Amino acid sequence: MKVNLFVSRDIEEPYADIHTNELTDNVTRAVSILENEESSDMIAVKKGSDIALLEFSEIYMFRVEDKQVKVYTQSSEYLIKKPLYQVEEGLSSDFVRISKTTIVNFKKIQRVAPSLKGMMFIELKNGLKDNISRKYLPDFKNALDL
């Protein structure tokens, strides 16, 4: 989807025109977000040249890989341009950082188990796995009320 943004001081109220040859789910969601000013529960992501809007509840994990922030859902992966610390600022308490490079959604955790050298191992419901580093383990346990 191509996006053009024009800023003009002559406009009293912002408005958007969407031109499309097909009413897709993404277009419908974009309209909904634009009409609703309380849309902070979604994030724009890219997959190839496509832009999608994901609800935070769909997201399993944010992870930095190859100097890019990847967003993982049940069966797909996307990219975002924001650095991980900026993503973290806008997240609800459903998300917790487990390492310098990874943030996970609590509601998507399948299991947590001990790992090497005082670290913990985490597996998400979509099969993704990662380690909880020692530095972030106290915050993780605190978030779980352990």
N, C-alpha and C. Protein backbone atom coordinates (compact mmCIF):
# COMPACT_ATOMS: atom_id res chain seq x y z
N MET A 1 0.85 -1.17 0.00
CA MET A 1 0.00 0.00 0.00
C MET A 1 0.89 1.23 0.00
N LYS A 2 0.64 2.12 -0.90
CA LYS A 2 1.38 3.37 -0.98
C LYS A 2 0.68 4.39 -0.09
N VAL A 3 1.45 5.14 0.69
CA VAL A 3 0.89 6.14 1.60
C VAL A 3 1.49 7.49 1.29
N ASN A 4 0.65 8.50 1.10
CA ASN A 4 1.09 9.88 0.91
C ASN A 4 0.56 10.71 2.06
N LEU A 5 1.41 11.53 2.65
CA LEU A 5 1.00 12.39 3.75
C LEU A 5 1.27 13.83 3.35
N PHE A 6 0.27 14.68 3.47
CA PHE A 6 0.40 16.09 3.15
C PHE A 6 0.04 16.91 4.40
N VAL A 7 0.93 17.81 4.80
CA VAL A 7 0.69 18.66 5.96
C VAL A 7 0.39 20.05 5.44
N SER A 8 -0.74 20.61 5.85
CA SER A 8 -1.16 21.93 5.40
C SER A 8 -1.74 22.70 6.58
N ARG A 9 -1.32 23.93 6.73
CA ARG A 9 -1.83 24.79 7.80
C ARG A 9 -3.24 25.33 7.47
N ASP A 10 -3.69 25.14 6.24
CA ASP A 10 -4.99 25.65 5.80
C ASP A 10 -6.15 24.74 6.18
N ILE A 11 -5.87 23.56 6.70
CA ILE A 11 -6.91 22.58 7.01
C ILE A 11 -7.29 22.69 8.48
N GLU A 12 -8.60 22.81 8.76
CA GLU A 12 -9.06 22.92 10.14
C GLU A 12 -9.08 21.57 10.85
N GLU A 13 -9.52 20.54 10.15
CA GLU A 13 -9.60 19.20 10.74
C GLU A 13 -8.93 18.20 9.80
N PRO A 14 -8.09 17.31 10.34
CA PRO A 14 -7.44 16.33 9.46
C PRO A 14 -8.48 15.43 8.79
N TYR A 15 -8.18 15.02 7.56
CA TYR A 15 -9.04 14.07 6.86
C TYR A 15 -8.15 13.17 6.00
N ALA A 16 -8.68 12.03 5.62
CA ALA A 16 -7.94 11.07 4.80
C ALA A 16 -8.80 10.61 3.64
N ASP A 17 -8.18 10.46 2.48
CA ASP A 17 -8.81 9.86 1.31
C ASP A 17 -8.06 8.56 1.04
N ILE A 18 -8.79 7.47 0.89
CA ILE A 18 -8.17 6.19 0.58
C ILE A 18 -8.66 5.75 -0.79
N HIS A 19 -7.72 5.47 -1.69
CA HIS A 19 -8.04 5.01 -3.03
C HIS A 19 -7.63 3.55 -3.13
N THR A 20 -8.56 2.68 -3.47
CA THR A 20 -8.25 1.26 -3.54
C THR A 20 -9.10 0.60 -4.62
N ASN A 21 -8.59 -0.50 -5.15
CA ASN A 21 -9.36 -1.25 -6.14
C ASN A 21 -10.09 -2.42 -5.50
N GLU A 22 -9.84 -2.63 -4.17
CA GLU A 22 -10.46 -3.74 -3.47
C GLU A 22 -10.56 -3.40 -1.98
N LEU A 23 -11.67 -3.70 -1.37
CA LEU A 23 -11.86 -3.44 0.05
C LEU A 23 -11.33 -4.64 0.84
N THR A 24 -10.05 -4.57 1.20
CA THR A 24 -9.41 -5.66 1.92
C THR A 24 -9.55 -5.45 3.43
N ASP A 25 -9.17 -6.47 4.19
CA ASP A 25 -9.21 -6.35 5.66
C ASP A 25 -8.31 -5.22 6.13
N ASN A 26 -7.13 -5.08 5.52
CA ASN A 26 -6.22 -4.01 5.92
C ASN A 26 -6.81 -2.63 5.65
N VAL A 27 -7.48 -2.46 4.52
CA VAL A 27 -8.10 -1.17 4.21
C VAL A 27 -9.21 -0.88 5.22
N THR A 28 -10.03 -1.88 5.53
CA THR A 28 -11.10 -1.72 6.50
C THR A 28 -10.53 -1.35 7.87
N ARG A 29 -9.45 -2.01 8.27
CA ARG A 29 -8.83 -1.70 9.56
C ARG A 29 -8.24 -0.30 9.56
N ALA A 30 -7.65 0.11 8.43
CA ALA A 30 -7.08 1.46 8.34
C ALA A 30 -8.17 2.51 8.51
N VAL A 31 -9.31 2.29 7.87
CA VAL A 31 -10.45 3.22 8.01
C VAL A 31 -10.88 3.28 9.47
N SER A 32 -11.00 2.13 10.10
CA SER A 32 -11.41 2.07 11.49
C SER A 32 -10.44 2.83 12.39
N ILE A 33 -9.18 2.65 12.16
CA ILE A 33 -8.16 3.34 12.97
C ILE A 33 -8.22 4.84 12.75
N LEU A 34 -8.36 5.26 11.50
CA LEU A 34 -8.41 6.69 11.20
C LEU A 34 -9.65 7.35 11.80
N GLU A 35 -10.76 6.61 11.86
CA GLU A 35 -11.98 7.17 12.42
C GLU A 35 -11.97 7.18 13.94
N ASN A 36 -11.17 6.33 14.54
CA ASN A 36 -11.12 6.20 15.99
C ASN A 36 -9.82 6.78 16.52
N GLU A 37 -9.90 7.84 17.29
CA GLU A 37 -8.70 8.49 17.80
C GLU A 37 -7.99 7.66 18.85
N GLU A 38 -8.66 6.68 19.45
CA GLU A 38 -8.04 5.84 20.47
C GLU A 38 -7.54 4.54 19.84
N SER A 39 -6.57 4.66 18.92
CA SER A 39 -6.10 3.50 18.19
C SER A 39 -4.71 3.06 18.63
N SER A 40 -4.37 3.29 19.88
CA SER A 40 -3.03 2.99 20.35
C SER A 40 -2.81 1.49 20.59
N ASP A 41 -3.80 0.66 20.31
CA ASP A 41 -3.64 -0.77 20.51
C ASP A 41 -3.24 -1.49 19.23
N MET A 42 -2.75 -0.72 18.24
CA MET A 42 -2.33 -1.31 16.97
C MET A 42 -0.98 -0.75 16.57
N ILE A 43 -0.31 -1.50 15.69
CA ILE A 43 0.99 -1.06 15.20
C ILE A 43 1.07 -1.38 13.70
N ALA A 44 1.68 -0.48 12.95
CA ALA A 44 1.89 -0.68 11.52
C ALA A 44 3.18 -1.47 11.32
N VAL A 45 3.10 -2.49 10.49
CA VAL A 45 4.24 -3.36 10.21
C VAL A 45 4.37 -3.56 8.70
N LYS A 46 5.54 -4.03 8.27
CA LYS A 46 5.77 -4.28 6.84
C LYS A 46 6.11 -5.74 6.61
N LYS A 47 5.63 -6.24 5.49
CA LYS A 47 6.03 -7.57 5.00
C LYS A 47 6.25 -7.39 3.51
N GLY A 48 7.51 -7.37 3.10
CA GLY A 48 7.84 -7.04 1.72
C GLY A 48 7.46 -5.60 1.46
N SER A 49 6.67 -5.36 0.43
CA SER A 49 6.24 -3.99 0.14
C SER A 49 4.86 -3.70 0.73
N ASP A 50 4.25 -4.68 1.38
CA ASP A 50 2.92 -4.50 1.97
C ASP A 50 3.02 -3.93 3.38
N ILE A 51 2.07 -3.11 3.74
CA ILE A 51 1.95 -2.58 5.09
C ILE A 51 0.69 -3.19 5.70
N ALA A 52 0.83 -3.69 6.92
CA ALA A 52 -0.31 -4.28 7.62
C ALA A 52 -0.47 -3.58 8.96
N LEU A 53 -1.65 -3.63 9.52
CA LEU A 53 -1.91 -3.11 10.85
C LEU A 53 -2.24 -4.28 11.75
N LEU A 54 -1.44 -4.45 12.80
CA LEU A 54 -1.64 -5.55 13.73
C LEU A 54 -2.13 -5.03 15.07
N GLU A 55 -3.06 -5.76 15.66
CA GLU A 55 -3.44 -5.48 17.04
C GLU A 55 -2.36 -6.09 17.93
N PHE A 56 -2.06 -5.43 19.02
CA PHE A 56 -1.03 -5.95 19.93
C PHE A 56 -1.38 -7.34 20.44
N SER A 57 -2.66 -7.64 20.55
CA SER A 57 -3.07 -8.95 21.03
C SER A 57 -2.70 -10.08 20.05
N GLU A 58 -2.41 -9.74 18.79
CA GLU A 58 -2.00 -10.73 17.79
C GLU A 58 -0.50 -11.02 17.86
N ILE A 59 0.23 -10.18 18.54
CA ILE A 59 1.70 -10.25 18.51
C ILE A 59 2.21 -11.18 19.60
N TYR A 60 3.10 -12.07 19.21
CA TYR A 60 3.73 -13.00 20.13
C TYR A 60 5.06 -12.46 20.65
N MET A 61 5.85 -11.85 19.75
CA MET A 61 7.20 -11.45 20.12
C MET A 61 7.72 -10.34 19.21
N PHE A 62 8.51 -9.45 19.82
CA PHE A 62 9.33 -8.50 19.09
C PHE A 62 10.78 -8.94 19.33
N ARG A 63 11.56 -9.07 18.26
CA ARG A 63 12.95 -9.49 18.44
C ARG A 63 13.84 -8.79 17.42
N VAL A 64 15.00 -8.32 17.88
CA VAL A 64 15.98 -7.71 16.99
C VAL A 64 16.80 -8.84 16.36
N GLU A 65 16.79 -8.87 15.03
CA GLU A 65 17.57 -9.84 14.27
C GLU A 65 18.19 -9.11 13.09
N ASP A 66 19.48 -9.27 12.89
CA ASP A 66 20.18 -8.62 11.77
C ASP A 66 19.92 -7.11 11.74
N LYS A 67 19.97 -6.49 12.91
CA LYS A 67 19.80 -5.04 13.07
C LYS A 67 18.42 -4.53 12.64
N GLN A 68 17.43 -5.44 12.60
CA GLN A 68 16.06 -5.07 12.28
C GLN A 68 15.14 -5.61 13.37
N VAL A 69 14.07 -4.87 13.67
CA VAL A 69 13.10 -5.35 14.65
C VAL A 69 12.04 -6.16 13.91
N LYS A 70 11.96 -7.44 14.25
CA LYS A 70 10.97 -8.32 13.65
C LYS A 70 9.81 -8.50 14.62
N VAL A 71 8.62 -8.60 14.06
CA VAL A 71 7.39 -8.80 14.82
C VAL A 71 6.84 -10.15 14.42
N TYR A 72 6.63 -11.01 15.43
CA TYR A 72 6.13 -12.36 15.17
C TYR A 72 4.70 -12.50 15.65
N THR A 73 3.86 -13.10 14.77
CA THR A 73 2.49 -13.43 15.12
C THR A 73 2.36 -14.96 15.11
N GLN A 74 1.15 -15.48 15.11
CA GLN A 74 0.93 -16.93 15.11
C GLN A 74 1.71 -17.62 13.99
N SER A 75 1.62 -17.08 12.78
CA SER A 75 2.24 -17.78 11.65
C SER A 75 3.01 -16.88 10.70
N SER A 76 3.20 -15.61 11.03
CA SER A 76 3.88 -14.68 10.13
C SER A 76 4.93 -13.88 10.88
N GLU A 77 5.82 -13.28 10.10
CA GLU A 77 6.78 -12.34 10.67
C GLU A 77 6.80 -11.08 9.82
N TYR A 78 6.98 -9.96 10.50
CA TYR A 78 6.94 -8.65 9.87
C TYR A 78 8.14 -7.84 10.34
N LEU A 79 8.32 -6.67 9.75
CA LEU A 79 9.38 -5.75 10.17
C LEU A 79 8.75 -4.42 10.57
N ILE A 80 9.40 -3.75 11.51
CA ILE A 80 9.02 -2.37 11.84
C ILE A 80 10.29 -1.54 11.86
N LYS A 81 10.14 -0.25 11.64
CA LYS A 81 11.29 0.64 11.59
C LYS A 81 11.71 1.16 12.95
N LYS A 82 10.80 1.15 13.92
CA LYS A 82 11.11 1.69 15.24
C LYS A 82 12.15 0.83 15.95
N PRO A 83 13.03 1.45 16.73
CA PRO A 83 13.93 0.65 17.57
C PRO A 83 13.13 0.00 18.70
N LEU A 84 13.67 -1.07 19.26
CA LEU A 84 12.96 -1.85 20.26
C LEU A 84 12.55 -1.03 21.48
N TYR A 85 13.40 -0.11 21.92
CA TYR A 85 13.06 0.68 23.11
C TYR A 85 11.85 1.57 22.86
N GLN A 86 11.67 2.06 21.63
CA GLN A 86 10.49 2.87 21.32
C GLN A 86 9.24 2.01 21.27
N VAL A 87 9.36 0.81 20.75
CA VAL A 87 8.23 -0.12 20.73
C VAL A 87 7.81 -0.41 22.16
N GLU A 88 8.78 -0.68 23.02
CA GLU A 88 8.51 -1.04 24.41
C GLU A 88 7.73 0.05 25.14
N GLU A 89 8.01 1.31 24.84
CA GLU A 89 7.34 2.43 25.50
C GLU A 89 5.83 2.43 25.27
N GLY A 90 5.38 1.93 24.12
CA GLY A 90 3.97 1.96 23.80
C GLY A 90 3.21 0.68 24.12
N LEU A 91 3.87 -0.28 24.77
CA LEU A 91 3.24 -1.57 25.03
C LEU A 91 2.53 -1.61 26.37
N SER A 92 1.52 -2.46 26.45
CA SER A 92 0.79 -2.66 27.70
C SER A 92 1.57 -3.59 28.62
N SER A 93 1.03 -3.84 29.79
CA SER A 93 1.68 -4.72 30.76
C SER A 93 1.61 -6.19 30.33
N ASP A 94 0.95 -6.48 29.22
CA ASP A 94 0.93 -7.85 28.68
C ASP A 94 2.29 -8.23 28.09
N PHE A 95 3.15 -7.24 27.86
CA PHE A 95 4.45 -7.48 27.25
C PHE A 95 5.56 -7.26 28.26
N VAL A 96 6.61 -8.08 28.15
CA VAL A 96 7.76 -7.95 29.05
C VAL A 96 9.03 -8.22 28.26
N ARG A 97 10.05 -7.44 28.58
CA ARG A 97 11.36 -7.65 27.95
C ARG A 97 12.03 -8.82 28.64
N ILE A 98 12.56 -9.76 27.84
CA ILE A 98 13.24 -10.92 28.41
C ILE A 98 14.74 -10.91 28.12
N SER A 99 15.17 -10.03 27.24
CA SER A 99 16.60 -9.88 26.95
C SER A 99 16.80 -8.53 26.27
N LYS A 100 18.04 -8.22 26.01
CA LYS A 100 18.36 -6.95 25.35
C LYS A 100 17.69 -6.85 23.99
N THR A 101 17.43 -7.99 23.36
CA THR A 101 16.91 -7.99 21.99
C THR A 101 15.48 -8.51 21.85
N THR A 102 14.81 -8.87 22.96
CA THR A 102 13.51 -9.54 22.82
C THR A 102 12.48 -9.06 23.84
N ILE A 103 11.25 -8.85 23.33
CA ILE A 103 10.08 -8.57 24.16
C ILE A 103 9.02 -9.59 23.79
N VAL A 104 8.37 -10.20 24.80
CA VAL A 104 7.34 -11.21 24.52
C VAL A 104 6.00 -10.80 25.13
N ASN A 105 4.94 -11.39 24.58
CA ASN A 105 3.59 -11.20 25.07
C ASN A 105 3.30 -12.30 26.10
N PHE A 106 3.02 -11.91 27.35
CA PHE A 106 2.72 -12.88 28.41
C PHE A 106 1.63 -13.86 28.02
N LYS A 107 0.61 -13.36 27.35
CA LYS A 107 -0.54 -14.20 27.02
C LYS A 107 -0.23 -15.26 25.97
N LYS A 108 0.94 -15.19 25.37
CA LYS A 108 1.32 -16.14 24.33
C LYS A 108 2.38 -17.13 24.81
N ILE A 109 2.68 -17.14 26.10
CA ILE A 109 3.70 -18.05 26.63
C ILE A 109 3.11 -19.45 26.80
N GLN A 110 3.81 -20.44 26.26
CA GLN A 110 3.43 -21.84 26.42
C GLN A 110 4.05 -22.40 27.69
N ARG A 111 5.38 -22.21 27.84
CA ARG A 111 6.05 -22.72 29.04
C ARG A 111 7.34 -21.96 29.29
N VAL A 112 7.78 -22.02 30.54
CA VAL A 112 9.05 -21.43 30.98
C VAL A 112 9.78 -22.53 31.74
N ALA A 113 11.08 -22.68 31.46
CA ALA A 113 11.86 -23.74 32.10
C ALA A 113 13.27 -23.25 32.37
N PRO A 114 13.97 -23.85 33.35
CA PRO A 114 15.36 -23.48 33.62
C PRO A 114 16.24 -23.78 32.40
N SER A 115 17.26 -22.95 32.23
CA SER A 115 18.21 -23.13 31.14
C SER A 115 19.62 -23.09 31.71
N LEU A 116 20.58 -22.78 30.91
CA LEU A 116 21.98 -22.77 31.31
C LEU A 116 22.36 -21.54 32.13
N LYS A 117 23.27 -21.70 33.06
CA LYS A 117 23.92 -20.61 33.80
C LYS A 117 22.94 -19.61 34.40
N GLY A 118 21.93 -20.09 35.06
CA GLY A 118 20.99 -19.20 35.76
C GLY A 118 19.97 -18.53 34.88
N MET A 119 19.95 -18.86 33.62
CA MET A 119 18.97 -18.27 32.71
C MET A 119 17.72 -19.15 32.68
N MET A 120 16.68 -18.62 32.10
CA MET A 120 15.44 -19.38 31.92
C MET A 120 15.16 -19.45 30.42
N PHE A 121 14.47 -20.49 30.03
CA PHE A 121 14.10 -20.76 28.65
C PHE A 121 12.61 -20.51 28.52
N ILE A 122 12.19 -19.89 27.41
CA ILE A 122 10.78 -19.60 27.20
C ILE A 122 10.35 -20.17 25.84
N GLU A 123 9.15 -20.75 25.82
CA GLU A 123 8.57 -21.22 24.56
C GLU A 123 7.20 -20.59 24.43
N LEU A 124 6.94 -20.02 23.26
CA LEU A 124 5.65 -19.40 23.01
C LEU A 124 4.71 -20.39 22.34
N LYS A 125 3.42 -20.07 22.33
CA LYS A 125 2.39 -20.96 21.80
C LYS A 125 2.53 -21.21 20.29
N ASN A 126 3.27 -20.36 19.59
CA ASN A 126 3.48 -20.56 18.16
C ASN A 126 4.78 -21.32 17.88
N GLY A 127 5.46 -21.79 18.94
CA GLY A 127 6.67 -22.57 18.77
C GLY A 127 7.96 -21.79 18.86
N LEU A 128 7.91 -20.46 18.88
CA LEU A 128 9.12 -19.66 19.01
C LEU A 128 9.75 -19.89 20.38
N LYS A 129 11.08 -19.88 20.41
CA LYS A 129 11.81 -20.11 21.66
C LYS A 129 12.87 -19.05 21.83
N ASP A 130 13.17 -18.73 23.09
CA ASP A 130 14.23 -17.77 23.40
C ASP A 130 14.64 -17.97 24.84
N ASN A 131 15.72 -17.32 25.22
CA ASN A 131 16.19 -17.37 26.60
C ASN A 131 15.86 -16.07 27.31
N ILE A 132 15.52 -16.18 28.58
CA ILE A 132 15.34 -15.01 29.44
C ILE A 132 16.69 -14.78 30.10
N SER A 133 17.30 -13.64 29.83
CA SER A 133 18.64 -13.41 30.38
C SER A 133 18.57 -13.13 31.88
N ARG A 134 19.67 -13.35 32.55
CA ARG A 134 19.72 -13.13 34.00
C ARG A 134 19.37 -11.70 34.37
N LYS A 135 19.78 -10.75 33.55
CA LYS A 135 19.51 -9.34 33.82
C LYS A 135 18.01 -9.05 33.89
N TYR A 136 17.24 -9.68 33.02
CA TYR A 136 15.80 -9.40 32.93
C TYR A 136 14.95 -10.42 33.70
N LEU A 137 15.56 -11.45 34.25
CA LEU A 137 14.82 -12.48 34.97
C LEU A 137 14.05 -11.96 36.19
N PRO A 138 14.65 -11.09 37.03
CA PRO A 138 13.88 -10.58 38.18
C PRO A 138 12.61 -9.83 37.75
N ASP A 139 12.70 -9.01 36.71
CA ASP A 139 11.52 -8.29 36.22
C ASP A 139 10.49 -9.25 35.66
N PHE A 140 10.96 -10.29 34.97
CA PHE A 140 10.05 -11.30 34.43
C PHE A 140 9.31 -12.02 35.54
N LYS A 141 10.05 -12.45 36.56
CA LYS A 141 9.41 -13.16 37.69
C LYS A 141 8.45 -12.24 38.44
N ASN A 142 8.82 -11.00 38.59
CA ASN A 142 7.98 -10.02 39.26
C ASN A 142 6.66 -9.83 38.47
N ALA A 143 6.77 -9.77 37.15
CA ALA A 143 5.59 -9.61 36.32
C ALA A 143 4.67 -10.83 36.42
N LEU A 144 5.25 -11.99 36.67
CA LEU A 144 4.47 -13.21 36.82
C LEU A 144 4.00 -13.42 38.26
N ASP A 145 4.40 -12.55 39.15
CA ASP A 145 4.10 -12.66 40.59
C ASP A 145 4.71 -13.91 41.20
N LEU A 146 5.96 -14.24 40.79
CA LEU A 146 6.66 -15.39 41.35
C LEU A 146 7.64 -14.96 42.42
